[in-house]
PDB file of N, CA and C in Angstrom:
ATOM      1  N   MET A   1     -18.008 -21.584  45.969  1.00  0.00           N
ATOM      2  CA  MET A   1     -16.686 -20.971  46.333  1.00  0.00           C
ATOM      3  C   MET A   1     -15.621 -22.367  46.599  1.00  0.00           C
ATOM      4  N   LYS A   2     -16.165 -23.286  47.090  1.00  0.00           N
ATOM      5  CA  LYS A   2     -15.185 -24.356  47.442  1.00  0.00           C
ATOM      6  C   LYS A   2     -14.600 -24.990  46.168  1.00  0.00           C
ATOM      7  N   ARG A   3     -15.456 -25.251  45.028  1.00  0.00           N
ATOM      8  CA  ARG A   3     -15.086 -25.556  44.087  1.00  0.00           C
ATOM      9  C   ARG A   3     -13.961 -24.766  43.251  1.00  0.00           C
ATOM     10  N   ALA A   4     -14.160 -23.444  43.564  1.00  0.00           N
ATOM     11  CA  ALA A   4     -13.251 -22.296  42.592  1.00  0.00           C
ATOM     12  C   ALA A   4     -12.049 -22.695  43.501  1.00  0.00           C
ATOM     13  N   VAL A   5     -11.901 -22.796  44.682  1.00  0.00           N
ATOM     14  CA  VAL A   5     -10.821 -23.149  45.359  1.00  0.00           C
ATOM     15  C   VAL A   5     -10.004 -24.253  45.150  1.00  0.00           C
ATOM     16  N   ILE A   6     -10.644 -25.519  45.079  1.00  0.00           N
ATOM     17  CA  ILE A   6      -9.981 -26.699  44.479  1.00  0.00           C
ATOM     18  C   ILE A   6      -9.519 -26.681  43.286  1.00  0.00           C
ATOM     19  N   PHE A   7     -10.308 -25.824  41.979  1.00  0.00           N
ATOM     20  CA  PHE A   7      -9.818 -25.620  40.539  1.00  0.00           C
ATOM     21  C   PHE A   7      -8.725 -24.922  40.758  1.00  0.00           C
ATOM     22  N   ILE A   8      -8.357 -23.660  41.636  1.00  0.00           N
ATOM     23  CA  ILE A   8      -7.215 -22.889  41.498  1.00  0.00           C
ATOM     24  C   ILE A   8      -6.258 -23.834  42.184  1.00  0.00           C
ATOM     25  N   LEU A   9      -6.328 -24.560  43.252  1.00  0.00           N
ATOM     26  CA  LEU A   9      -5.208 -25.294  43.845  1.00  0.00           C
ATOM     27  C   LEU A   9      -4.820 -26.417  42.690  1.00  0.00           C
ATOM     28  N   GLY A  10      -5.702 -27.132  41.881  1.00  0.00           N
ATOM     29  CA  GLY A  10      -5.466 -27.719  41.107  1.00  0.00           C
ATOM     30  C   GLY A  10      -4.228 -27.318  40.000  1.00  0.00           C
ATOM     31  N   ILE A  11      -4.906 -26.201  39.439  1.00  0.00           N
ATOM     32  CA  ILE A  11      -3.899 -25.314  38.526  1.00  0.00           C
ATOM     33  C   ILE A  11      -2.466 -24.966  38.971  1.00  0.00           C
ATOM     34  N   GLY A  12      -2.423 -24.792  40.343  1.00  0.00           N
ATOM     35  CA  GLY A  12      -1.233 -24.543  41.016  1.00  0.00           C
ATOM     36  C   GLY A  12      -0.412 -25.637  41.212  1.00  0.00           C
ATOM     37  N   LEU A  13      -1.020 -26.866  41.567  1.00  0.00           N
ATOM     38  CA  LEU A  13      -0.192 -28.216  41.294  1.00  0.00           C
ATOM     39  C   LEU A  13       0.061 -28.456  39.902  1.00  0.00           C
ATOM     40  N   TRP A  14      -0.585 -28.395  39.052  1.00  0.00           N
ATOM     41  CA  TRP A  14      -0.028 -28.791  37.767  1.00  0.00           C
ATOM     42  C   TRP A  14       1.207 -27.958  37.353  1.00  0.00           C
ATOM     43  N   SER A  15       1.084 -26.620  37.420  1.00  0.00           N
ATOM     44  CA  SER A  15       2.332 -25.581  37.008  1.00  0.00           C
ATOM     45  C   SER A  15       3.589 -25.763  38.081  1.00  0.00           C
ATOM     46  N   ALA A  16       3.354 -26.265  39.194  1.00  0.00           N
ATOM     47  CA  ALA A  16       4.238 -26.587  39.980  1.00  0.00           C
ATOM     48  C   ALA A  16       5.017 -27.883  39.754  1.00  0.00           C
ATOM     49  N   CYS A  17       4.388 -28.906  39.194  1.00  0.00           N
ATOM     50  CA  CYS A  17       4.871 -30.196  38.508  1.00  0.00           C
ATOM     51  C   CYS A  17       5.907 -29.811  37.624  1.00  0.00           C
ATOM     52  N   GLY A  18       5.876 -28.564  36.711  1.00  0.00           N
ATOM     53  CA  GLY A  18       6.657 -28.492  35.748  1.00  0.00           C
ATOM     54  C   GLY A  18       6.415 -28.968  34.263  1.00  0.00           C
ATOM     55  N   ILE A  19       5.099 -29.297  34.190  1.00  0.00           N
ATOM     56  CA  ILE A  19       4.580 -29.880  33.018  1.00  0.00           C
ATOM     57  C   ILE A  19       4.423 -28.628  31.924  1.00  0.00           C
ATOM     58  N   GLU A  20       5.214 -29.039  30.945  1.00  0.00           N
ATOM     59  CA  GLU A  20       5.366 -27.984  29.904  1.00  0.00           C
ATOM     60  C   GLU A  20       4.591 -28.480  28.440  1.00  0.00           C
ATOM     61  N   PRO A  21       4.278 -27.594  27.598  1.00  0.00           N
ATOM     62  CA  PRO A  21       3.491 -28.024  26.599  1.00  0.00           C
ATOM     63  C   PRO A  21       4.177 -28.740  25.504  1.00  0.00           C
ATOM     64  N   VAL A  22       3.701 -29.763  24.859  1.00  0.00           N
ATOM     65  CA  VAL A  22       4.658 -30.137  23.967  1.00  0.00           C
ATOM     66  C   VAL A  22       4.903 -29.551  22.674  1.00  0.00           C
ATOM     67  N   THR A  23       6.164 -29.293  22.312  1.00  0.00           N
ATOM     68  CA  THR A  23       6.611 -28.571  21.208  1.00  0.00           C
ATOM     69  C   THR A  23       7.086 -29.743  20.056  1.00  0.00           C
ATOM     70  N   HIS A  24       6.863 -29.078  18.586  1.00  0.00           N
ATOM     71  CA  HIS A  24       7.360 -29.758  17.894  1.00  0.00           C
ATOM     72  C   HIS A  24       8.558 -29.347  16.966  1.00  0.00           C
ATOM     73  N   GLN A  25       9.577 -30.232  16.735  1.00  0.00           N
ATOM     74  CA  GLN A  25      10.706 -29.850  16.046  1.00  0.00           C
ATOM     75  C   GLN A  25      10.524 -29.361  14.857  1.00  0.00           C
ATOM     76  N   SER A  26      11.045 -28.322  14.200  1.00  0.00           N
ATOM     77  CA  SER A  26      10.728 -28.016  12.958  1.00  0.00           C
ATOM     78  C   SER A  26      11.905 -28.146  12.094  1.00  0.00           C
ATOM     79  N   TYR A  27      11.876 -28.310  10.811  1.00  0.00           N
ATOM     80  CA  TYR A  27      12.599 -28.620   9.932  1.00  0.00           C
ATOM     81  C   TYR A  27      12.686 -28.046   8.576  1.00  0.00           C
ATOM     82  N   ALA A  28      13.836 -27.634   8.125  1.00  0.00           N
ATOM     83  CA  ALA A  28      13.773 -26.834   6.889  1.00  0.00           C
ATOM     84  C   ALA A  28      13.682 -27.779   5.726  1.00  0.00           C
ATOM     85  N   VAL A  29      12.837 -27.349   4.869  1.00  0.00           N
ATOM     86  CA  VAL A  29      12.392 -27.999   3.608  1.00  0.00           C
ATOM     87  C   VAL A  29      12.744 -26.977   2.357  1.00  0.00           C
ATOM     88  N   THR A  30      13.657 -27.662   1.956  1.00  0.00           N
ATOM     89  CA  THR A  30      14.225 -26.836   0.433  1.00  0.00           C
ATOM     90  C   THR A  30      13.548 -27.480  -1.013  1.00  0.00           C
ATOM     91  N   PHE A  31      12.692 -26.612  -1.820  1.00  0.00           N
ATOM     92  CA  PHE A  31      12.204 -27.076  -2.840  1.00  0.00           C
ATOM     93  C   PHE A  31      13.267 -26.616  -4.066  1.00  0.00           C
ATOM     94  N   ARG A  32      13.604 -27.401  -4.938  1.00  0.00           N
ATOM     95  CA  ARG A  32      14.409 -27.129  -5.846  1.00  0.00           C
ATOM     96  C   ARG A  32      14.121 -27.672  -7.180  1.00  0.00           C
ATOM     97  N   VAL A  33      13.881 -26.803  -8.232  1.00  0.00           N
ATOM     98  CA  VAL A  33      13.211 -27.145  -9.555  1.00  0.00           C
ATOM     99  C   VAL A  33      14.410 -26.570 -10.829  1.00  0.00           C
ATOM    100  N   LEU A  34      14.725 -27.675 -11.510  1.00  0.00           N
ATOM    101  CA  LEU A  34      15.456 -27.212 -12.737  1.00  0.00           C
ATOM    102  C   LEU A  34      14.681 -27.293 -13.876  1.00  0.00           C
ATOM    103  N   PRO A  35      14.310 -26.372 -14.500  1.00  0.00           N
ATOM    104  CA  PRO A  35      13.224 -26.714 -15.640  1.00  0.00           C
ATOM    105  C   PRO A  35      13.883 -26.848 -16.722  1.00  0.00           C
ATOM    106  N   ASP A  36      13.423 -27.945 -17.574  1.00  0.00           N
ATOM    107  CA  ASP A  36      13.844 -28.267 -19.085  1.00  0.00           C
ATOM    108  C   ASP A  36      14.081 -26.856 -19.793  1.00  0.00           C
ATOM    109  N   SER A  37      12.961 -26.097 -19.853  1.00  0.00           N
ATOM    110  CA  SER A  37      12.750 -24.501 -20.547  1.00  0.00           C
ATOM    111  C   SER A  37      11.989 -23.926 -19.939  1.00  0.00           C
ATOM    112  N   LEU A  38      11.937 -22.722 -20.107  1.00  0.00           N
ATOM    113  CA  LEU A  38      11.328 -21.456 -19.388  1.00  0.00           C
ATOM    114  C   LEU A  38      11.200 -20.440 -20.279  1.00  0.00           C
ATOM    115  N   PRO A  39      10.077 -19.819 -20.371  1.00  0.00           N
ATOM    116  CA  PRO A  39       9.824 -18.712 -21.408  1.00  0.00           C
ATOM    117  C   PRO A  39      10.841 -17.403 -21.002  1.00  0.00           C
ATOM    118  N   ASP A  40      11.144 -16.545 -21.834  1.00  0.00           N
ATOM    119  CA  ASP A  40      11.964 -15.264 -21.220  1.00  0.00           C
ATOM    120  C   ASP A  40      11.022 -14.559 -20.030  1.00  0.00           C
ATOM    121  N   ASN A  41      11.461 -14.365 -18.995  1.00  0.00           N
ATOM    122  CA  ASN A  41      10.736 -13.596 -17.852  1.00  0.00           C
ATOM    123  C   ASN A  41       9.801 -14.637 -17.126  1.00  0.00           C
ATOM    124  N   GLY A  42       9.867 -15.875 -17.406  1.00  0.00           N
ATOM    125  CA  GLY A  42       9.152 -16.924 -16.660  1.00  0.00           C
ATOM    126  C   GLY A  42       9.488 -16.960 -15.451  1.00  0.00           C
ATOM    127  N   GLN A  43       8.561 -17.501 -14.741  1.00  0.00           N
ATOM    128  CA  GLN A  43       9.103 -17.825 -13.326  1.00  0.00           C
ATOM    129  C   GLN A  43       8.293 -19.164 -12.801  1.00  0.00           C
ATOM    130  N   VAL A  44       8.938 -19.610 -11.942  1.00  0.00           N
ATOM    131  CA  VAL A  44       8.577 -21.094 -11.401  1.00  0.00           C
ATOM    132  C   VAL A  44       7.799 -20.618 -10.042  1.00  0.00           C
ATOM    133  N   PHE A  45       6.638 -21.452  -9.773  1.00  0.00           N
ATOM    134  CA  PHE A  45       6.047 -21.449  -8.326  1.00  0.00           C
ATOM    135  C   PHE A  45       5.544 -22.639  -8.078  1.00  0.00           C
ATOM    136  N   ILE A  46       5.480 -22.660  -6.609  1.00  0.00           N
ATOM    137  CA  ILE A  46       5.005 -23.915  -5.954  1.00  0.00           C
ATOM    138  C   ILE A  46       3.596 -23.470  -5.193  1.00  0.00           C
ATOM    139  N   THR A  47       2.788 -24.541  -5.373  1.00  0.00           N
ATOM    140  CA  THR A  47       1.491 -24.550  -4.364  1.00  0.00           C
ATOM    141  C   THR A  47       1.226 -25.825  -3.844  1.00  0.00           C
ATOM    142  N   GLY A  48       0.468 -25.859  -2.662  1.00  0.00           N
ATOM    143  CA  GLY A  48       0.307 -26.889  -1.969  1.00  0.00           C
ATOM    144  C   GLY A  48      -0.768 -26.766  -0.928  1.00  0.00           C
ATOM    145  N   ASN A  49      -0.790 -27.478   0.150  1.00  0.00           N
ATOM    146  CA  ASN A  49      -1.929 -27.795   1.158  1.00  0.00           C
ATOM    147  C   ASN A  49      -1.315 -27.076   2.191  1.00  0.00           C
ATOM    148  N   GLN A  50      -0.461 -26.061   2.301  1.00  0.00           N
ATOM    149  CA  GLN A  50      -0.250 -25.577   3.422  1.00  0.00           C
ATOM    150  C   GLN A  50      -0.057 -23.936   3.409  1.00  0.00           C
ATOM    151  N   ASP A  51      -0.361 -22.871   4.177  1.00  0.00           N
ATOM    152  CA  ASP A  51      -0.276 -21.527   4.159  1.00  0.00           C
ATOM    153  C   ASP A  51       0.882 -21.176   3.254  1.00  0.00           C
ATOM    154  N   LEU A  52       2.102 -21.830   3.908  1.00  0.00           N
ATOM    155  CA  LEU A  52       3.522 -21.302   3.121  1.00  0.00           C
ATOM    156  C   LEU A  52       3.496 -21.731   1.601  1.00  0.00           C
ATOM    157  N   LEU A  53       3.099 -22.678   1.205  1.00  0.00           N
ATOM    158  CA  LEU A  53       2.885 -23.228   0.186  1.00  0.00           C
ATOM    159  C   LEU A  53       1.710 -22.430  -0.783  1.00  0.00           C
ATOM    160  N   GLY A  54       0.886 -21.657  -0.326  1.00  0.00           N
ATOM    161  CA  GLY A  54      -0.145 -20.814  -1.227  1.00  0.00           C
ATOM    162  C   GLY A  54      -1.524 -21.336  -0.985  1.00  0.00           C
ATOM    163  N   ASN A  55      -1.759 -22.620  -0.294  1.00  0.00           N
ATOM    164  CA  ASN A  55      -2.927 -23.285  -0.236  1.00  0.00           C
ATOM    165  C   ASN A  55      -3.569 -23.434  -1.830  1.00  0.00           C
ATOM    166  N   TRP A  56      -3.111 -23.748  -2.458  1.00  0.00           N
ATOM    167  CA  TRP A  56      -3.314 -24.307  -3.853  1.00  0.00           C
ATOM    168  C   TRP A  56      -3.631 -23.195  -4.748  1.00  0.00           C
ATOM    169  N   SER A  57      -3.181 -21.989  -4.210  1.00  0.00           N
ATOM    170  CA  SER A  57      -3.443 -20.910  -5.236  1.00  0.00           C
ATOM    171  C   SER A  57      -2.184 -20.916  -6.143  1.00  0.00           C
ATOM    172  N   SER A  58      -2.238 -21.118  -7.621  1.00  0.00           N
ATOM    173  CA  SER A  58      -1.009 -21.467  -8.355  1.00  0.00           C
ATOM    174  C   SER A  58      -0.045 -20.438  -8.871  1.00  0.00           C
ATOM    175  N   GLY A  59      -0.512 -19.333  -8.297  1.00  0.00           N
ATOM    176  CA  GLY A  59       0.555 -18.178  -8.501  1.00  0.00           C
ATOM    177  C   GLY A  59       1.172 -17.419  -7.195  1.00  0.00           C
ATOM    178  N   ALA A  60       0.878 -18.054  -6.124  1.00  0.00           N
ATOM    179  CA  ALA A  60       1.013 -17.278  -4.819  1.00  0.00           C
ATOM    180  C   ALA A  60       2.355 -17.280  -4.164  1.00  0.00           C
ATOM    181  N   THR A  61       3.217 -18.157  -4.470  1.00  0.00           N
ATOM    182  CA  THR A  61       4.533 -18.632  -3.866  1.00  0.00           C
ATOM    183  C   THR A  61       5.582 -18.795  -4.859  1.00  0.00           C
ATOM    184  N   ALA A  62       6.144 -17.901  -5.028  1.00  0.00           N
ATOM    185  CA  ALA A  62       7.115 -17.900  -5.988  1.00  0.00           C
ATOM    186  C   ALA A  62       8.624 -18.439  -5.680  1.00  0.00           C
ATOM    187  N   LEU A  63       9.110 -19.597  -6.499  1.00  0.00           N
ATOM    188  CA  LEU A  63      10.411 -19.807  -6.019  1.00  0.00           C
ATOM    189  C   LEU A  63      11.630 -18.804  -6.644  1.00  0.00           C
ATOM    190  N   LEU A  64      12.778 -18.944  -6.060  1.00  0.00           N
ATOM    191  CA  LEU A  64      13.710 -17.785  -6.385  1.00  0.00           C
ATOM    192  C   LEU A  64      14.829 -18.235  -7.304  1.00  0.00           C
ATOM    193  N   PRO A  65      15.036 -17.638  -8.424  1.00  0.00           N
ATOM    194  CA  PRO A  65      16.031 -18.159  -9.503  1.00  0.00           C
ATOM    195  C   PRO A  65      17.520 -18.152  -8.727  1.00  0.00           C
ATOM    196  N   GLN A  66      18.275 -19.178  -9.409  1.00  0.00           N
ATOM    197  CA  GLN A  66      19.539 -19.334  -8.919  1.00  0.00           C
ATOM    198  C   GLN A  66      20.601 -19.219 -10.011  1.00  0.00           C
ATOM    199  N   PRO A  67      21.762 -18.888  -9.801  1.00  0.00           N
ATOM    200  CA  PRO A  67      22.678 -18.656 -10.912  1.00  0.00           C
ATOM    201  C   PRO A  67      22.854 -19.836 -11.701  1.00  0.00           C
ATOM    202  N   ASP A  68      22.509 -21.170 -11.189  1.00  0.00           N
ATOM    203  CA  ASP A  68      22.603 -22.477 -12.083  1.00  0.00           C
ATOM    204  C   ASP A  68      21.417 -22.571 -12.878  1.00  0.00           C
ATOM    205  N   GLY A  69      20.516 -21.667 -12.652  1.00  0.00           N
ATOM    206  CA  GLY A  69      19.132 -21.914 -13.734  1.00  0.00           C
ATOM    207  C   GLY A  69      18.278 -22.862 -13.114  1.00  0.00           C
ATOM    208  N   SER A  70      18.647 -23.187 -11.710  1.00  0.00           N
ATOM    209  CA  SER A  70      17.366 -23.839 -10.990  1.00  0.00           C
ATOM    210  C   SER A  70      16.440 -22.888 -10.230  1.00  0.00           C
ATOM    211  N   TRP A  71      15.489 -23.100  -9.701  1.00  0.00           N
ATOM    212  CA  TRP A  71      14.782 -22.369  -8.642  1.00  0.00           C
ATOM    213  C   TRP A  71      14.442 -22.829  -7.483  1.00  0.00           C
ATOM    214  N   ARG A  72      14.690 -22.222  -6.499  1.00  0.00           N
ATOM    215  CA  ARG A  72      14.625 -22.883  -5.193  1.00  0.00           C
ATOM    216  C   ARG A  72      13.992 -22.009  -4.261  1.00  0.00           C
ATOM    217  N   ARG A  73      13.413 -22.545  -3.045  1.00  0.00           N
ATOM    218  CA  ARG A  73      13.067 -21.699  -1.679  1.00  0.00           C
ATOM    219  C   ARG A  73      12.696 -22.814  -0.789  1.00  0.00           C
ATOM    220  N   THR A  74      13.189 -22.190   0.664  1.00  0.00           N
ATOM    221  CA  THR A  74      13.388 -22.704   1.511  1.00  0.00           C
ATOM    222  C   THR A  74      12.380 -22.552   2.605  1.00  0.00           C
ATOM    223  N   PHE A  75      11.403 -23.377   3.157  1.00  0.00           N
ATOM    224  CA  PHE A  75      10.466 -23.242   4.269  1.00  0.00           C
ATOM    225  C   PHE A  75      10.713 -23.877   5.508  1.00  0.00           C
ATOM    226  N   SER A  76      10.154 -23.624   6.638  1.00  0.00           N
ATOM    227  CA  SER A  76      10.105 -24.582   7.758  1.00  0.00           C
ATOM    228  C   SER A  76       8.838 -24.829   8.333  1.00  0.00           C
ATOM    229  N   PHE A  77       8.758 -26.260   8.383  1.00  0.00           N
ATOM    230  CA  PHE A  77       7.733 -26.738   8.801  1.00  0.00           C
ATOM    231  C   PHE A  77       7.568 -27.651  10.058  1.00  0.00           C
ATOM    232  N   PRO A  78       6.832 -27.849  10.954  1.00  0.00           N
ATOM    233  CA  PRO A  78       7.162 -28.977  12.049  1.00  0.00           C
ATOM    234  C   PRO A  78       6.971 -30.271  11.742  1.00  0.00           C
ATOM    235  N   SER A  79       7.739 -31.088  12.730  1.00  0.00           N
ATOM    236  CA  SER A  79       7.906 -32.602  12.084  1.00  0.00           C
ATOM    237  C   SER A  79       6.588 -33.249  12.091  1.00  0.00           C
ATOM    238  N   GLY A  80       6.174 -34.066  11.142  1.00  0.00           N
ATOM    239  CA  GLY A  80       5.086 -34.552  11.003  1.00  0.00           C
ATOM    240  C   GLY A  80       4.103 -34.012   9.969  1.00  0.00           C
ATOM    241  N   THR A  81       4.198 -32.823   9.544  1.00  0.00           N
ATOM    242  CA  THR A  81       3.334 -32.120   8.763  1.00  0.00           C
ATOM    243  C   THR A  81       3.628 -32.889   7.158  1.00  0.00           C
ATOM    244  N   ASN A  82       2.361 -33.338   6.727  1.00  0.00           N
ATOM    245  CA  ASN A  82       2.048 -33.803   5.496  1.00  0.00           C
ATOM    246  C   ASN A  82       1.974 -32.655   4.690  1.00  0.00           C
ATOM    247  N   LEU A  83       2.981 -32.719   3.643  1.00  0.00           N
ATOM    248  CA  LEU A  83       2.928 -31.532   2.401  1.00  0.00           C
ATOM    249  C   LEU A  83       2.565 -32.311   1.001  1.00  0.00           C
ATOM    250  N   GLU A  84       1.346 -31.695   0.508  1.00  0.00           N
ATOM    251  CA  GLU A  84       1.371 -31.899  -1.011  1.00  0.00           C
ATOM    252  C   GLU A  84       1.460 -30.689  -1.781  1.00  0.00           C
ATOM    253  N   TYR A  85       2.135 -31.033  -2.897  1.00  0.00           N
ATOM    254  CA  TYR A  85       2.449 -29.581  -3.666  1.00  0.00           C
ATOM    255  C   TYR A  85       2.313 -29.950  -5.312  1.00  0.00           C
ATOM    256  N   LYS A  86       2.513 -29.086  -6.007  1.00  0.00           N
ATOM    257  CA  LYS A  86       2.772 -28.972  -7.373  1.00  0.00           C
ATOM    258  C   LYS A  86       3.754 -27.919  -7.856  1.00  0.00           C
ATOM    259  N   PHE A  87       4.132 -27.834  -8.891  1.00  0.00           N
ATOM    260  CA  PHE A  87       4.780 -26.646  -9.591  1.00  0.00           C
ATOM    261  C   PHE A  87       4.101 -25.999 -10.687  1.00  0.00           C
ATOM    262  N   THR A  88       3.869 -24.697 -10.918  1.00  0.00           N
ATOM    263  CA  THR A  88       3.448 -24.077 -11.964  1.00  0.00           C
ATOM    264  C   THR A  88       4.537 -22.973 -12.322  1.00  0.00           C
ATOM    265  N   ARG A  89       3.967 -22.381 -13.605  1.00  0.00           N
ATOM    266  CA  ARG A  89       4.605 -20.976 -13.983  1.00  0.00           C
ATOM    267  C   ARG A  89       3.713 -20.079 -13.619  1.00  0.00           C
ATOM    268  N   GLY A  90       2.826 -19.931 -12.593  1.00  0.00           N
ATOM    269  CA  GLY A  90       1.950 -18.978 -12.380  1.00  0.00           C
ATOM    270  C   GLY A  90       0.542 -19.396 -12.434  1.00  0.00           C
ATOM    271  N   SER A  91       0.058 -20.350 -12.857  1.00  0.00           N
ATOM    272  CA  SER A  91      -1.276 -20.367 -13.387  1.00  0.00           C
ATOM    273  C   SER A  91      -1.513 -21.833 -13.594  1.00  0.00           C
ATOM    274  N   TRP A  92      -2.579 -22.385 -13.324  1.00  0.00           N
ATOM    275  CA  TRP A  92      -2.966 -24.105 -13.304  1.00  0.00           C
ATOM    276  C   TRP A  92      -2.725 -24.381 -14.837  1.00  0.00           C
ATOM    277  N   ARG A  93      -2.995 -23.392 -15.752  1.00  0.00           N
ATOM    278  CA  ARG A  93      -2.837 -23.419 -17.329  1.00  0.00           C
ATOM    279  C   ARG A  93      -1.300 -23.869 -17.632  1.00  0.00           C
ATOM    280  N   THR A  94      -0.433 -23.637 -16.753  1.00  0.00           N
ATOM    281  CA  THR A  94       0.735 -23.686 -16.894  1.00  0.00           C
ATOM    282  C   THR A  94       1.666 -24.769 -15.756  1.00  0.00           C
ATOM    283  N   GLU A  95       0.720 -25.526 -15.552  1.00  0.00           N
ATOM    284  CA  GLU A  95       1.237 -26.749 -14.300  1.00  0.00           C
ATOM    285  C   GLU A  95       2.286 -27.460 -15.176  1.00  0.00           C
ATOM    286  N   ALA A  96       3.112 -27.704 -14.111  1.00  0.00           N
ATOM    287  CA  ALA A  96       4.210 -28.822 -14.533  1.00  0.00           C
ATOM    288  C   ALA A  96       3.930 -30.083 -15.308  1.00  0.00           C
ATOM    289  N   VAL A  97       4.538 -30.458 -16.308  1.00  0.00           N
ATOM    290  CA  VAL A  97       4.025 -31.583 -17.025  1.00  0.00           C
ATOM    291  C   VAL A  97       5.355 -32.471 -17.477  1.00  0.00           C
ATOM    292  N   ASP A  98       5.275 -34.052 -17.359  1.00  0.00           N
ATOM    293  CA  ASP A  98       6.168 -34.720 -17.881  1.00  0.00           C
ATOM    294  C   ASP A  98       6.616 -34.247 -19.159  1.00  0.00           C
ATOM    295  N   ALA A  99       7.301 -35.500 -19.662  1.00  0.00           N
ATOM    296  CA  ALA A  99       7.714 -35.603 -21.107  1.00  0.00           C
ATOM    297  C   ALA A  99       6.705 -35.654 -22.316  1.00  0.00           C
ATOM    298  N   ALA A 100       6.039 -36.633 -21.800  1.00  0.00           N
ATOM    299  CA  ALA A 100       4.868 -36.792 -22.524  1.00  0.00           C
ATOM    300  C   ALA A 100       3.508 -35.746 -22.550  1.00  0.00           C
ATOM    301  N   GLY A 101       3.814 -34.540 -21.782  1.00  0.00           N
ATOM    302  CA  GLY A 101       2.799 -33.528 -21.829  1.00  0.00           C
ATOM    303  C   GLY A 101       1.746 -33.831 -20.727  1.00  0.00           C
ATOM    304  N   LEU A 102       1.807 -34.835 -19.839  1.00  0.00           N
ATOM    305  CA  LEU A 102       0.843 -35.212 -18.742  1.00  0.00           C
ATOM    306  C   LEU A 102       1.001 -34.582 -17.548  1.00  0.00           C
ATOM    307  N   GLU A 103       0.076 -34.093 -16.850  1.00  0.00           N
ATOM    308  CA  GLU A 103       0.295 -33.414 -15.505  1.00  0.00           C
ATOM    309  C   GLU A 103       0.851 -34.416 -14.503  1.00  0.00           C
ATOM    310  N   TYR A 104       1.825 -33.980 -13.609  1.00  0.00           N
ATOM    311  CA  TYR A 104       2.083 -34.938 -12.572  1.00  0.00           C
ATOM    312  C   TYR A 104       0.986 -35.179 -11.410  1.00  0.00           C
ATOM    313  N   PRO A 105       1.082 -36.219 -10.856  1.00  0.00           N
ATOM    314  CA  PRO A 105       0.010 -36.096  -9.606  1.00  0.00           C
ATOM    315  C   PRO A 105       0.651 -35.183  -8.580  1.00  0.00           C
ATOM    316  N   ASN A 106      -0.086 -35.026  -7.468  1.00  0.00           N
ATOM    317  CA  ASN A 106       0.551 -34.056  -6.402  1.00  0.00           C
ATOM    318  C   ASN A 106       1.881 -35.044  -5.890  1.00  0.00           C
ATOM    319  N   PHE A 107       2.886 -34.198  -5.622  1.00  0.00           N
ATOM    320  CA  PHE A 107       4.115 -34.599  -4.932  1.00  0.00           C
ATOM    321  C   PHE A 107       3.814 -34.450  -3.456  1.00  0.00           C
ATOM    322  N   SER A 108       4.191 -35.440  -2.853  1.00  0.00           N
ATOM    323  CA  SER A 108       3.804 -35.583  -1.239  1.00  0.00           C
ATOM    324  C   SER A 108       5.044 -35.721  -0.650  1.00  0.00           C
ATOM    325  N   LEU A 109       5.269 -35.400   0.695  1.00  0.00           N
ATOM    326  CA  LEU A 109       6.496 -35.375   1.472  1.00  0.00           C
ATOM    327  C   LEU A 109       5.923 -35.246   3.076  1.00  0.00           C
ATOM    328  N   THR A 110       6.174 -36.298   3.867  1.00  0.00           N
ATOM    329  CA  THR A 110       6.223 -36.175   5.345  1.00  0.00           C
ATOM    330  C   THR A 110       7.269 -35.498   5.948  1.00  0.00           C
ATOM    331  N   VAL A 111       7.308 -34.532   6.537  1.00  0.00           N
ATOM    332  CA  VAL A 111       8.398 -33.729   7.066  1.00  0.00           C
ATOM    333  C   VAL A 111       8.914 -34.558   8.451  1.00  0.00           C
ATOM    334  N   ASP A 112      10.218 -35.072   8.293  1.00  0.00           N
ATOM    335  CA  ASP A 112      10.889 -35.598   9.246  1.00  0.00           C
ATOM    336  C   ASP A 112      12.331 -35.304   9.648  1.00  0.00           C
ATOM    337  N   ARG A 113      12.879 -34.601   8.656  1.00  0.00           N
ATOM    338  CA  ARG A 113      14.260 -34.214   8.773  1.00  0.00           C
ATOM    339  C   ARG A 113      14.428 -32.888   8.027  1.00  0.00           C
ATOM    340  N   ASP A 114      15.460 -32.532   8.147  1.00  0.00           N
ATOM    341  CA  ASP A 114      15.733 -31.237   6.906  1.00  0.00           C
ATOM    342  C   ASP A 114      15.847 -32.089   5.425  1.00  0.00           C
ATOM    343  N   THR A 115      15.323 -31.176   4.612  1.00  0.00           N
ATOM    344  CA  THR A 115      15.304 -31.998   3.336  1.00  0.00           C
ATOM    345  C   THR A 115      15.179 -31.062   2.176  1.00  0.00           C
ATOM    346  N   VAL A 116      16.009 -31.532   1.131  1.00  0.00           N
ATOM    347  CA  VAL A 116      16.301 -30.679  -0.206  1.00  0.00           C
ATOM    348  C   VAL A 116      15.634 -31.473  -1.183  1.00  0.00           C
TER     349      VAL A 116
END
């Protein structure tokens, strides 16, 4: 019983000190892609190491078409989040490639401010 009273008293003192949990600033991260070419009815997807980016599922998270021909989408991530991501047309067989036809390595970004 004595230990329970001390524990409860300790919790009361902690909350009375005004200690608040640490919260992380979140930032908007906008991904924008302007494909050189895209088949009719084609779409652009992002996939990566976060739930919002589809957890590496190649066709889970579509970017949104823009009037200028680009594709974009904005997400919010806590400061310090390490992002790794790639772009596809909905399948790993249609992963973005460079001018030589080679797959890009994972793109990466550590979130520390609003970013486009």
